Amino acid sequence: MKFDLSQTEENYLKAIYSLFVVSNKAVSTNKIAEKLATKASSVTDMVKKLSEKELVNYVKYQGVSLTENGREIAIHVIRKHRLWEVFLVRHLGFQWDEVHEVAEQLEHVKSVKLTNSLDAFLDFPRYDPHGDPIPDKEGNFAKRDVAVLSSLKIGQESKIVGIKDSSSEFLKYLDKVEIKLGAAIKVLHKESFDNSMMLWIDKKQISISQQIASNLYVKQQD
């Protein structure tokens, strides 16, 4: 990368990218402040700085979007973060609820050679431990059709392929109830009162709330 950016600047670009992916429109400074747990005034100052470097487009009251260079940097940081998560889980014995904070530090290592070597060492993984796609060195993400578990109907079968909420608390809950990526599930019942679901998963029945079901990505079985 030709830009020598601080960790904070890279974090802003990554945050703007992730918010844009969800909304598919320019992101408000308030949304950025909320995601980064900082003040809106600090966001405005940083956005102006990134705009001067031609990494974001910013129009007051209309929101923030990434330029092509900004998007490229954000995806590169995301790639490093997710590759390091794979490495930490596979080779250093980290649990999936432990890797995020460490990967947040490692994602700012600048060496492109190290990133590409790490990718090759891991045999070019397409998804991180939480089921999020890992972009390749060209910035391309693996594509797949997924839905949230809460959208499934009674009798439908699917496989858990991703986590929407990757907070440590949620991941620990999933470990507690033994819900894992790759698990095959079938919807046995949906409660009309609160939309909780009864599932058949790994040869046992389990009941989960709508909140839990809304935070699990699934791919329907062919």
C-alpha atoms as a PDB file:
ATOM      1  CA  MET A   1       0.000   0.000   0.000  1.00  0.00           C
ATOM      2  CA  LYS A   2       1.324   3.449  -0.843  1.00  0.00           C
ATOM      3  CA  PHE A   3      -0.409   5.084   2.128  1.00  0.00           C
ATOM      4  CA  ASP A   4       1.372   5.187   5.485  1.00  0.00           C
ATOM      5  CA  LEU A   5      -1.649   5.215   7.774  1.00  0.00           C
ATOM      6  CA  SER A   6      -1.993   5.024  11.520  1.00  0.00           C
ATOM      7  CA  GLN A   7      -3.880   2.197  13.204  1.00  0.00           C
ATOM      8  CA  THR A   8      -6.674   4.629  14.002  1.00  0.00           C
ATOM      9  CA  GLU A   9      -7.016   5.660  10.367  1.00  0.00           C
ATOM     10  CA  GLU A  10      -7.147   2.025   9.266  1.00  0.00           C
ATOM     11  CA  ASN A  11      -9.777   1.292  11.916  1.00  0.00           C
ATOM     12  CA  TYR A  12     -11.934   4.137  10.590  1.00  0.00           C
ATOM     13  CA  LEU A  13     -11.712   2.858   7.028  1.00  0.00           C
ATOM     14  CA  LYS A  14     -12.601  -0.667   8.165  1.00  0.00           C
ATOM     15  CA  ALA A  15     -15.559   0.625  10.196  1.00  0.00           C
ATOM     16  CA  ILE A  16     -16.887   2.725   7.316  1.00  0.00           C
ATOM     17  CA  TYR A  17     -16.582  -0.257   4.983  1.00  0.00           C
ATOM     18  CA  SER A  18     -18.466  -2.605   7.318  1.00  0.00           C
ATOM     19  CA  LEU A  19     -21.256  -0.081   7.880  1.00  0.00           C
ATOM     20  CA  PHE A  20     -21.560   0.617   4.156  1.00  0.00           C
ATOM     21  CA  VAL A  21     -21.842  -3.109   3.374  1.00  0.00           C
ATOM     22  CA  VAL A  22     -24.865  -3.350   5.672  1.00  0.00           C
ATOM     23  CA  SER A  23     -26.691  -0.215   4.470  1.00  0.00           C
ATOM     24  CA  ASN A  24     -25.310   0.106   0.922  1.00  0.00           C
ATOM     25  CA  LYS A  25     -25.359   3.885   1.280  1.00  0.00           C
ATOM     26  CA  ALA A  26     -23.211   6.702   2.644  1.00  0.00           C
ATOM     27  CA  VAL A  27     -22.617   6.277   6.376  1.00  0.00           C
ATOM     28  CA  SER A  28     -23.474   8.957   8.927  1.00  0.00           C
ATOM     29  CA  THR A  29     -20.812  10.222  11.313  1.00  0.00           C
ATOM     30  CA  ASN A  30     -23.078   9.232  14.203  1.00  0.00           C
ATOM     31  CA  LYS A  31     -23.099   5.619  13.012  1.00  0.00           C
ATOM     32  CA  ILE A  32     -19.311   5.641  12.768  1.00  0.00           C
ATOM     33  CA  ALA A  33     -19.050   7.143  16.256  1.00  0.00           C
ATOM     34  CA  GLU A  34     -21.352   4.459  17.622  1.00  0.00           C
ATOM     35  CA  LYS A  35     -19.396   1.625  16.012  1.00  0.00           C
ATOM     36  CA  LEU A  36     -16.031   2.934  17.207  1.00  0.00           C
ATOM     37  CA  ALA A  37     -17.334   4.054  20.610  1.00  0.00           C
ATOM     38  CA  THR A  38     -16.078   7.591  20.175  1.00  0.00           C
ATOM     39  CA  LYS A  39     -17.450  11.129  19.926  1.00  0.00           C
ATOM     40  CA  ALA A  40     -19.146  12.385  16.760  1.00  0.00           C
ATOM     41  CA  SER A  41     -16.846  15.427  16.792  1.00  0.00           C
ATOM     42  CA  SER A  42     -13.795  13.129  16.727  1.00  0.00           C
ATOM     43  CA  VAL A  43     -15.288  11.269  13.779  1.00  0.00           C
ATOM     44  CA  THR A  44     -15.832  14.510  11.871  1.00  0.00           C
ATOM     45  CA  ASP A  45     -12.192  15.500  12.418  1.00  0.00           C
ATOM     46  CA  MET A  46     -10.902  12.116  11.257  1.00  0.00           C
ATOM     47  CA  VAL A  47     -13.219  11.991   8.253  1.00  0.00           C
ATOM     48  CA  LYS A  48     -11.942  15.383   7.121  1.00  0.00           C
ATOM     49  CA  LYS A  49      -8.377  14.099   7.474  1.00  0.00           C
ATOM     50  CA  LEU A  50      -9.159  10.977   5.437  1.00  0.00           C
ATOM     51  CA  SER A  51     -10.940  13.099   2.859  1.00  0.00           C
ATOM     52  CA  GLU A  52      -7.815  15.194   2.412  1.00  0.00           C
ATOM     53  CA  LYS A  53      -5.920  11.977   1.705  1.00  0.00           C
ATOM     54  CA  GLU A  54      -8.610  11.069  -0.848  1.00  0.00           C
ATOM     55  CA  LEU A  55      -9.573   7.918   1.036  1.00  0.00           C
ATOM     56  CA  VAL A  56     -13.186   8.902   1.748  1.00  0.00           C
ATOM     57  CA  ASN A  57     -15.853  11.053   0.168  1.00  0.00           C
ATOM     58  CA  TYR A  58     -17.505  13.291   2.741  1.00  0.00           C
ATOM     59  CA  VAL A  59     -20.342  15.726   2.249  1.00  0.00           C
ATOM     60  CA  LYS A  60     -21.694  17.362   5.399  1.00  0.00           C
ATOM     61  CA  TYR A  61     -25.161  16.013   6.331  1.00  0.00           C
ATOM     62  CA  GLN A  62     -24.962  13.465   3.493  1.00  0.00           C
ATOM     63  CA  GLY A  63     -22.580  10.934   5.028  1.00  0.00           C
ATOM     64  CA  VAL A  64     -19.291   9.219   4.307  1.00  0.00           C
ATOM     65  CA  SER A  65     -18.291   6.693   1.661  1.00  0.00           C
ATOM     66  CA  LEU A  66     -14.954   5.193   0.686  1.00  0.00           C
ATOM     67  CA  THR A  67     -13.001   6.080  -2.408  1.00  0.00           C
ATOM     68  CA  GLU A  68     -11.508   3.212  -4.393  1.00  0.00           C
ATOM     69  CA  ASN A  69      -8.225   3.607  -2.506  1.00  0.00           C
ATOM     70  CA  GLY A  70     -10.036   3.724   0.819  1.00  0.00           C
ATOM     71  CA  ARG A  71     -12.019   0.604  -0.024  1.00  0.00           C
ATOM     72  CA  GLU A  72      -8.861  -1.248  -1.076  1.00  0.00           C
ATOM     73  CA  ILE A  73      -7.148  -0.447   2.211  1.00  0.00           C
ATOM     74  CA  ALA A  74     -10.201  -1.412   4.282  1.00  0.00           C
ATOM     75  CA  ILE A  75     -10.498  -4.787   2.544  1.00  0.00           C
ATOM     76  CA  HIS A  76      -6.772  -5.416   2.998  1.00  0.00           C
ATOM     77  CA  VAL A  77      -7.081  -4.786   6.752  1.00  0.00           C
ATOM     78  CA  ILE A  78     -10.134  -7.061   6.950  1.00  0.00           C
ATOM     79  CA  ARG A  79      -8.218  -9.770   5.070  1.00  0.00           C
ATOM     80  CA  LYS A  80      -5.350  -9.633   7.555  1.00  0.00           C
ATOM     81  CA  HIS A  81      -7.716  -9.665  10.524  1.00  0.00           C
ATOM     82  CA  ARG A  82      -9.591 -12.752   9.359  1.00  0.00           C
ATOM     83  CA  LEU A  83      -6.462 -14.644   8.329  1.00  0.00           C
ATOM     84  CA  TRP A  84      -4.943 -14.048  11.750  1.00  0.00           C
ATOM     85  CA  GLU A  85      -8.137 -15.308  13.373  1.00  0.00           C
ATOM     86  CA  VAL A  86      -7.824 -18.551  11.401  1.00  0.00           C
ATOM     87  CA  PHE A  87      -4.173 -18.885  12.414  1.00  0.00           C
ATOM     88  CA  LEU A  88      -4.894 -18.258  16.101  1.00  0.00           C
ATOM     89  CA  VAL A  89      -7.649 -20.877  16.213  1.00  0.00           C
ATOM     90  CA  ARG A  90      -5.963 -23.537  14.084  1.00  0.00           C
ATOM     91  CA  HIS A  91      -2.393 -23.306  15.323  1.00  0.00           C
ATOM     92  CA  LEU A  92      -2.300 -21.552  18.693  1.00  0.00           C
ATOM     93  CA  GLY A  93      -5.324 -23.083  20.370  1.00  0.00           C
ATOM     94  CA  PHE A  94      -7.368 -19.900  20.755  1.00  0.00           C
ATOM     95  CA  GLN A  95     -11.134 -20.233  21.122  1.00  0.00           C
ATOM     96  CA  TRP A  96     -13.319 -18.369  18.621  1.00  0.00           C
ATOM     97  CA  ASP A  97     -14.416 -15.924  21.334  1.00  0.00           C
ATOM     98  CA  GLU A  98     -10.782 -15.045  22.138  1.00  0.00           C
ATOM     99  CA  VAL A  99      -9.345 -14.174  18.729  1.00  0.00           C
ATOM    100  CA  HIS A 100     -10.960 -10.840  17.870  1.00  0.00           C
ATOM    101  CA  GLU A 101      -8.981  -8.625  20.234  1.00  0.00           C
ATOM    102  CA  VAL A 102      -5.631 -10.193  19.273  1.00  0.00           C
ATOM    103  CA  ALA A 103      -6.450 -10.031  15.558  1.00  0.00           C
ATOM    104  CA  GLU A 104      -7.306  -6.338  16.010  1.00  0.00           C
ATOM    105  CA  GLN A 105      -3.639  -5.808  16.895  1.00  0.00           C
ATOM    106  CA  LEU A 106      -2.142  -8.097  14.258  1.00  0.00           C
ATOM    107  CA  GLU A 107      -4.235  -6.666  11.405  1.00  0.00           C
ATOM    108  CA  HIS A 108      -2.077  -3.535  11.363  1.00  0.00           C
ATOM    109  CA  VAL A 109       1.145  -5.324  10.430  1.00  0.00           C
ATOM    110  CA  LYS A 110       2.129  -3.667   7.160  1.00  0.00           C
ATOM    111  CA  SER A 111       3.979  -6.475   5.350  1.00  0.00           C
ATOM    112  CA  VAL A 112       2.076  -7.635   2.260  1.00  0.00           C
ATOM    113  CA  LYS A 113       4.562 -10.507   1.899  1.00  0.00           C
ATOM    114  CA  LEU A 114       3.702 -11.703   5.415  1.00  0.00           C
ATOM    115  CA  THR A 115      -0.027 -11.559   4.677  1.00  0.00           C
ATOM    116  CA  ASN A 116       0.327 -13.523   1.437  1.00  0.00           C
ATOM    117  CA  SER A 117       2.640 -16.051   3.099  1.00  0.00           C
ATOM    118  CA  LEU A 118       0.159 -16.476   5.971  1.00  0.00           C
ATOM    119  CA  ASP A 119      -2.646 -17.048   3.453  1.00  0.00           C
ATOM    120  CA  ALA A 120      -0.601 -19.729   1.678  1.00  0.00           C
ATOM    121  CA  PHE A 121       0.467 -21.343   4.979  1.00  0.00           C
ATOM    122  CA  LEU A 122      -3.203 -21.663   5.946  1.00  0.00           C
ATOM    123  CA  ASP A 123      -3.988 -23.154   2.499  1.00  0.00           C
ATOM    124  CA  PHE A 124      -6.000 -20.120   1.365  1.00  0.00           C
ATOM    125  CA  PRO A 125      -9.006 -20.331   3.712  1.00  0.00           C
ATOM    126  CA  ARG A 126     -12.227 -18.816   2.383  1.00  0.00           C
ATOM    127  CA  TYR A 127     -13.876 -18.190   5.764  1.00  0.00           C
ATOM    128  CA  ASP A 128     -12.719 -17.172   9.231  1.00  0.00           C
ATOM    129  CA  PRO A 129     -13.669 -19.028  12.469  1.00  0.00           C
ATOM    130  CA  HIS A 130     -16.944 -17.062  12.641  1.00  0.00           C
ATOM    131  CA  GLY A 131     -17.949 -17.887   9.076  1.00  0.00           C
ATOM    132  CA  ASP A 132     -17.079 -14.466   7.633  1.00  0.00           C
ATOM    133  CA  PRO A 133     -15.601 -14.581   4.112  1.00  0.00           C
ATOM    134  CA  ILE A 134     -11.899 -13.808   3.744  1.00  0.00           C
ATOM    135  CA  PRO A 135     -11.031 -11.665   0.713  1.00  0.00           C
ATOM    136  CA  ASP A 136      -8.231 -12.945  -1.505  1.00  0.00           C
ATOM    137  CA  LYS A 137      -5.199 -10.818  -2.376  1.00  0.00           C
ATOM    138  CA  GLU A 138      -7.186  -9.225  -5.201  1.00  0.00           C
ATOM    139  CA  GLY A 139      -9.873  -8.134  -2.730  1.00  0.00           C
ATOM    140  CA  ASN A 140     -12.505 -10.616  -3.899  1.00  0.00           C
ATOM    141  CA  PHE A 141     -14.827 -12.212  -1.334  1.00  0.00           C
ATOM    142  CA  ALA A 142     -16.232 -15.725  -1.621  1.00  0.00           C
ATOM    143  CA  LYS A 143     -19.942 -15.533  -2.408  1.00  0.00           C
ATOM    144  CA  ARG A 144     -22.694 -17.729  -1.051  1.00  0.00           C
ATOM    145  CA  ASP A 145     -26.423 -17.454  -0.555  1.00  0.00           C
ATOM    146  CA  VAL A 146     -27.250 -17.340   3.134  1.00  0.00           C
ATOM    147  CA  ALA A 147     -30.248 -16.471   5.296  1.00  0.00           C
ATOM    148  CA  VAL A 148     -30.738 -15.881   8.988  1.00  0.00           C
ATOM    149  CA  LEU A 149     -32.025 -18.879  10.888  1.00  0.00           C
ATOM    150  CA  SER A 150     -35.081 -16.976  12.132  1.00  0.00           C
ATOM    151  CA  SER A 151     -36.380 -16.730   8.543  1.00  0.00           C
ATOM    152  CA  LEU A 152     -36.701 -20.496   8.132  1.00  0.00           C
ATOM    153  CA  LYS A 153     -40.047 -22.272   8.313  1.00  0.00           C
ATOM    154  CA  ILE A 154     -41.057 -25.431  10.127  1.00  0.00           C
ATOM    155  CA  GLY A 155     -39.589 -28.489   8.443  1.00  0.00           C
ATOM    156  CA  GLN A 156     -36.812 -26.671   6.607  1.00  0.00           C
ATOM    157  CA  GLU A 157     -33.295 -28.062   6.910  1.00  0.00           C
ATOM    158  CA  SER A 158     -30.111 -26.039   6.776  1.00  0.00           C
ATOM    159  CA  LYS A 159     -26.502 -25.801   7.926  1.00  0.00           C
ATOM    160  CA  ILE A 160     -25.062 -23.103  10.193  1.00  0.00           C
ATOM    161  CA  VAL A 161     -22.411 -21.241   8.204  1.00  0.00           C
ATOM    162  CA  GLY A 162     -21.873 -17.913   9.973  1.00  0.00           C
ATOM    163  CA  ILE A 163     -22.367 -15.676  12.976  1.00  0.00           C
ATOM    164  CA  LYS A 164     -23.910 -12.217  12.737  1.00  0.00           C
ATOM    165  CA  ASP A 165     -23.050 -11.223  16.307  1.00  0.00           C
ATOM    166  CA  SER A 166     -19.394 -12.093  16.943  1.00  0.00           C
ATOM    167  CA  SER A 167     -19.265 -10.670  20.468  1.00  0.00           C
ATOM    168  CA  SER A 168     -17.479 -12.781  23.054  1.00  0.00           C
ATOM    169  CA  GLU A 169     -20.684 -13.121  25.080  1.00  0.00           C
ATOM    170  CA  PHE A 170     -22.650 -14.548  22.148  1.00  0.00           C
ATOM    171  CA  LEU A 171     -19.889 -16.934  21.119  1.00  0.00           C
ATOM    172  CA  LYS A 172     -19.584 -18.231  24.685  1.00  0.00           C
ATOM    173  CA  TYR A 173     -23.345 -18.798  24.720  1.00  0.00           C
ATOM    174  CA  LEU A 174     -23.112 -20.825  21.505  1.00  0.00           C
ATOM    175  CA  ASP A 175     -20.345 -22.926  23.042  1.00  0.00           C
ATOM    176  CA  LYS A 176     -22.487 -23.460  26.130  1.00  0.00           C
ATOM    177  CA  VAL A 177     -25.434 -24.806  24.124  1.00  0.00           C
ATOM    178  CA  GLU A 178     -23.079 -26.611  21.700  1.00  0.00           C
ATOM    179  CA  ILE A 179     -24.064 -24.766  18.533  1.00  0.00           C
ATOM    180  CA  LYS A 180     -21.169 -24.814  16.071  1.00  0.00           C
ATOM    181  CA  LEU A 181     -20.463 -23.786  12.484  1.00  0.00           C
ATOM    182  CA  GLY A 182     -21.195 -26.607  10.080  1.00  0.00           C
ATOM    183  CA  ALA A 183     -23.920 -28.107  12.251  1.00  0.00           C
ATOM    184  CA  ALA A 184     -26.905 -29.499  10.327  1.00  0.00           C
ATOM    185  CA  ILE A 185     -30.241 -28.364  11.732  1.00  0.00           C
ATOM    186  CA  LYS A 186     -33.944 -28.819  11.133  1.00  0.00           C
ATOM    187  CA  VAL A 187     -36.696 -26.494  12.340  1.00  0.00           C
ATOM    188  CA  LEU A 188     -39.145 -28.557  14.381  1.00  0.00           C
ATOM    189  CA  HIS A 189     -41.392 -25.795  15.683  1.00  0.00           C
ATOM    190  CA  LYS A 190     -41.764 -22.001  15.763  1.00  0.00           C
ATOM    191  CA  GLU A 191     -43.649 -20.400  18.640  1.00  0.00           C
ATOM    192  CA  SER A 192     -46.100 -17.805  17.325  1.00  0.00           C
ATOM    193  CA  PHE A 193     -46.042 -15.876  20.596  1.00  0.00           C
ATOM    194  CA  ASP A 194     -42.346 -14.916  20.644  1.00  0.00           C
ATOM    195  CA  ASN A 195     -40.923 -16.565  17.488  1.00  0.00           C
ATOM    196  CA  SER A 196     -38.665 -18.822  19.517  1.00  0.00           C
ATOM    197  CA  MET A 197     -37.663 -21.990  17.678  1.00  0.00           C
ATOM    198  CA  MET A 198     -37.329 -25.669  18.488  1.00  0.00           C
ATOM    199  CA  LEU A 199     -34.483 -27.209  16.486  1.00  0.00           C
ATOM    200  CA  TRP A 200     -33.080 -30.649  15.828  1.00  0.00           C
ATOM    201  CA  ILE A 201     -29.319 -30.258  15.905  1.00  0.00           C
ATOM    202  CA  ASP A 202     -26.584 -32.844  16.368  1.00  0.00           C
ATOM    203  CA  LYS A 203     -29.064 -35.576  17.295  1.00  0.00           C
ATOM    204  CA  LYS A 204     -30.793 -33.567  20.000  1.00  0.00           C
ATOM    205  CA  GLN A 205     -33.546 -31.001  20.422  1.00  0.00           C
ATOM    206  CA  ILE A 206     -32.760 -27.476  21.470  1.00  0.00           C
ATOM    207  CA  SER A 207     -34.922 -24.382  21.959  1.00  0.00           C
ATOM    208  CA  ILE A 208     -33.531 -20.947  21.055  1.00  0.00           C
ATOM    209  CA  SER A 209     -34.936 -17.425  21.187  1.00  0.00           C
ATOM    210  CA  GLN A 210     -35.671 -15.242  18.186  1.00  0.00           C
ATOM    211  CA  GLN A 211     -32.679 -13.080  19.129  1.00  0.00           C
ATOM    212  CA  ILE A 212     -30.348 -16.055  18.900  1.00  0.00           C
ATOM    213  CA  ALA A 213     -31.921 -17.284  15.654  1.00  0.00           C
ATOM    214  CA  SER A 214     -31.588 -13.810  14.126  1.00  0.00           C
ATOM    215  CA  ASN A 215     -27.839 -13.873  14.727  1.00  0.00           C
ATOM    216  CA  LEU A 216     -27.066 -17.154  12.987  1.00  0.00           C
ATOM    217  CA  TYR A 217     -26.498 -17.417   9.243  1.00  0.00           C
ATOM    218  CA  VAL A 218     -27.575 -20.623   7.561  1.00  0.00           C
ATOM    219  CA  LYS A 219     -27.403 -22.166   4.115  1.00  0.00           C
ATOM    220  CA  GLN A 220     -30.331 -24.347   3.139  1.00  0.00           C
ATOM    221  CA  GLN A 221     -29.561 -27.925   2.261  1.00  0.00           C
ATOM    222  CA  ASP A 222     -29.822 -28.832  -1.430  1.00  0.00           C
END
